[in-house]
């Protein structure tokens, strides 16, 4: 009887350990902040890495990540080093077309630019969950 109880307890413990391991693996992924949150407390974020979700679009040579709720936007800096990363290259290609927009989660370093038009930018390290959106009206 004791052996059966021990086996059951061990089985339950193993199941709990596996479940906890899976939950911990899922929680490693940081949920993205909104552009509104980051811009609202920008001083807190400058110089740190951020994970932000927004709508990306390119005008000319500038790609912006924006949020319609607060009408906020940050420019995305994708230097030559990041173009070797497939996710960043694919993202850049997706939003390069005129009028093309994409909902995306961007991970990178948040920085102040000193530019009055676009005072903040993100040096893009990686991009995930990219979903192309229908063309903007009048775009």
Protein backbone atom coordinates (compact mmCIF):
# COMPACT_ATOMS: atom_id res chain seq x y z
CA UNK A 1 0.00 0.00 0.00
CA UNK A 2 2.80 2.43 0.83
CA UNK A 3 4.52 1.75 -2.49
CA UNK A 4 1.33 2.59 -4.42
CA UNK A 5 0.90 5.84 -2.49
CA UNK A 6 4.54 6.73 -3.10
CA UNK A 7 4.21 6.08 -6.86
CA UNK A 8 1.05 8.20 -7.05
CA UNK A 9 2.68 11.04 -5.10
CA UNK A 10 5.75 10.86 -7.33
CA UNK A 11 3.57 10.91 -10.44
CA UNK A 12 1.64 13.92 -9.19
CA UNK A 13 4.90 15.70 -8.32
CA UNK A 14 6.32 15.02 -11.79
CA UNK A 15 3.17 16.36 -13.44
CA UNK A 16 3.36 19.52 -11.32
CA UNK A 17 7.04 20.01 -12.16
CA UNK A 18 6.33 19.63 -15.89
CA UNK A 19 3.39 22.03 -15.71
CA UNK A 20 5.45 24.59 -13.79
CA UNK A 21 8.28 24.25 -16.32
CA UNK A 22 5.90 24.90 -19.21
CA UNK A 23 4.38 27.91 -17.43
CA UNK A 24 7.84 29.31 -16.69
CA UNK A 25 8.86 28.88 -20.33
CA UNK A 26 5.80 30.82 -21.47
CA UNK A 27 6.35 33.60 -18.94
CA UNK A 28 9.88 34.26 -20.27
CA UNK A 29 8.29 36.17 -23.14
CA UNK A 30 7.75 39.75 -22.02
CA UNK A 31 4.31 41.09 -22.95
CA UNK A 32 4.67 44.15 -25.15
CA UNK A 33 4.07 47.67 -23.84
CA UNK A 34 2.01 50.14 -25.83
CA UNK A 35 3.53 53.15 -27.55
CA UNK A 36 1.28 55.29 -25.31
CA UNK A 37 2.76 53.76 -22.14
CA UNK A 38 6.35 54.19 -23.28
CA UNK A 39 5.87 57.76 -24.53
CA UNK A 40 3.87 58.73 -21.43
CA UNK A 41 6.86 57.89 -19.20
CA UNK A 42 9.62 58.23 -21.80
CA UNK A 43 12.31 59.38 -19.34
CA UNK A 44 11.95 56.06 -17.54
CA UNK A 45 12.54 54.09 -20.74
CA UNK A 46 15.36 56.07 -22.43
CA UNK A 47 18.45 53.88 -22.69
CA UNK A 48 16.61 50.66 -21.88
CA UNK A 49 15.40 47.82 -24.05
CA UNK A 50 11.68 47.80 -24.70
CA UNK A 51 9.16 45.43 -26.23
CA UNK A 52 6.47 47.53 -27.89
CA UNK A 53 3.47 46.70 -30.08
CA UNK A 54 2.15 49.15 -32.64
CA UNK A 55 1.40 49.81 -36.29
CA UNK A 56 4.42 50.32 -38.52
CA UNK A 57 4.49 52.28 -41.77
CA UNK A 58 7.24 53.75 -43.91
CA UNK A 59 7.18 57.22 -45.43
CA UNK A 60 10.18 57.94 -47.61
CA UNK A 61 13.10 56.41 -45.74
CA UNK A 62 11.59 56.66 -42.25
CA UNK A 63 9.68 53.81 -40.62
CA UNK A 64 7.46 54.80 -37.72
CA UNK A 65 5.72 52.65 -35.12
CA UNK A 66 2.52 54.33 -33.96
CA UNK A 67 -0.52 53.91 -31.73
CA UNK A 68 -3.81 55.52 -32.76
CA UNK A 69 -5.10 55.64 -29.16
CA UNK A 70 -2.70 58.37 -28.09
CA UNK A 71 -1.61 59.45 -31.58
CA UNK A 72 1.96 58.71 -30.48
CA UNK A 73 4.77 57.42 -32.65
CA UNK A 74 8.45 56.53 -32.50
CA UNK A 75 10.83 56.10 -35.41
CA UNK A 76 12.42 52.71 -35.96
CA UNK A 77 16.14 52.56 -36.59
CA UNK A 78 17.15 49.41 -38.46
CA UNK A 79 20.89 49.71 -39.08
CA UNK A 80 22.99 47.52 -41.35
CA UNK A 81 23.80 45.13 -38.48
CA UNK A 82 20.15 44.36 -37.89
CA UNK A 83 19.51 43.78 -41.59
CA UNK A 84 21.38 40.48 -41.28
CA UNK A 85 18.58 39.24 -39.03
CA UNK A 86 15.84 37.56 -41.03
CA UNK A 87 12.97 38.86 -38.91
CA UNK A 88 14.12 42.49 -39.24
CA UNK A 89 14.82 42.13 -42.97
CA UNK A 90 11.39 40.56 -43.60
CA UNK A 91 9.71 43.29 -41.53
CA UNK A 92 11.57 46.04 -43.41
CA UNK A 93 10.50 44.49 -46.73
CA UNK A 94 6.88 44.20 -45.57
CA UNK A 95 6.49 47.86 -44.64
CA UNK A 96 8.66 49.26 -47.46
CA UNK A 97 5.79 49.53 -49.96
CA UNK A 98 3.86 52.78 -50.30
CA UNK A 99 0.75 52.70 -48.12
CA UNK A 100 1.67 49.35 -46.53
CA UNK A 101 1.13 49.08 -42.79
CA UNK A 102 1.79 46.22 -40.41
CA UNK A 103 0.87 45.50 -36.82
CA UNK A 104 4.06 44.26 -35.12
CA UNK A 105 5.88 43.70 -31.84
CA UNK A 106 9.30 45.38 -31.85
CA UNK A 107 12.14 44.70 -29.41
CA UNK A 108 15.00 47.18 -29.16
CA UNK A 109 16.74 50.02 -27.35
CA UNK A 110 14.59 53.11 -26.72
CA UNK A 111 16.47 56.38 -27.18
CA UNK A 112 15.96 60.12 -27.40
CA UNK A 113 16.79 61.56 -30.83
CA UNK A 114 16.89 65.30 -30.17
CA UNK A 115 14.61 65.76 -33.20
CA UNK A 116 11.50 67.83 -32.43
CA UNK A 117 9.48 66.02 -35.11
CA UNK A 118 10.31 62.52 -33.85
CA UNK A 119 11.86 62.91 -30.37
CA UNK A 120 12.21 59.17 -29.70
CA UNK A 121 13.38 56.15 -31.65
CA UNK A 122 13.92 52.44 -31.15
CA UNK A 123 17.09 50.70 -32.35
CA UNK A 124 15.41 47.52 -33.57
CA UNK A 125 16.96 44.25 -32.38
CA UNK A 126 14.12 41.94 -33.41
CA UNK A 127 10.54 41.92 -34.68
CA UNK A 128 7.81 39.31 -34.17
CA UNK A 129 4.10 38.80 -34.75
CA UNK A 130 4.03 40.90 -37.93
CA UNK A 131 0.56 41.14 -39.52
CA UNK A 132 0.13 43.19 -42.67
CA UNK A 133 -2.88 45.50 -42.47
CA UNK A 134 -5.15 46.73 -45.26
CA UNK A 135 -3.91 49.86 -47.03
CA UNK A 136 -4.75 53.13 -45.27
CA UNK A 137 -7.50 55.29 -46.71
CA UNK A 138 -6.10 57.84 -49.15
CA UNK A 139 -2.67 56.11 -48.99
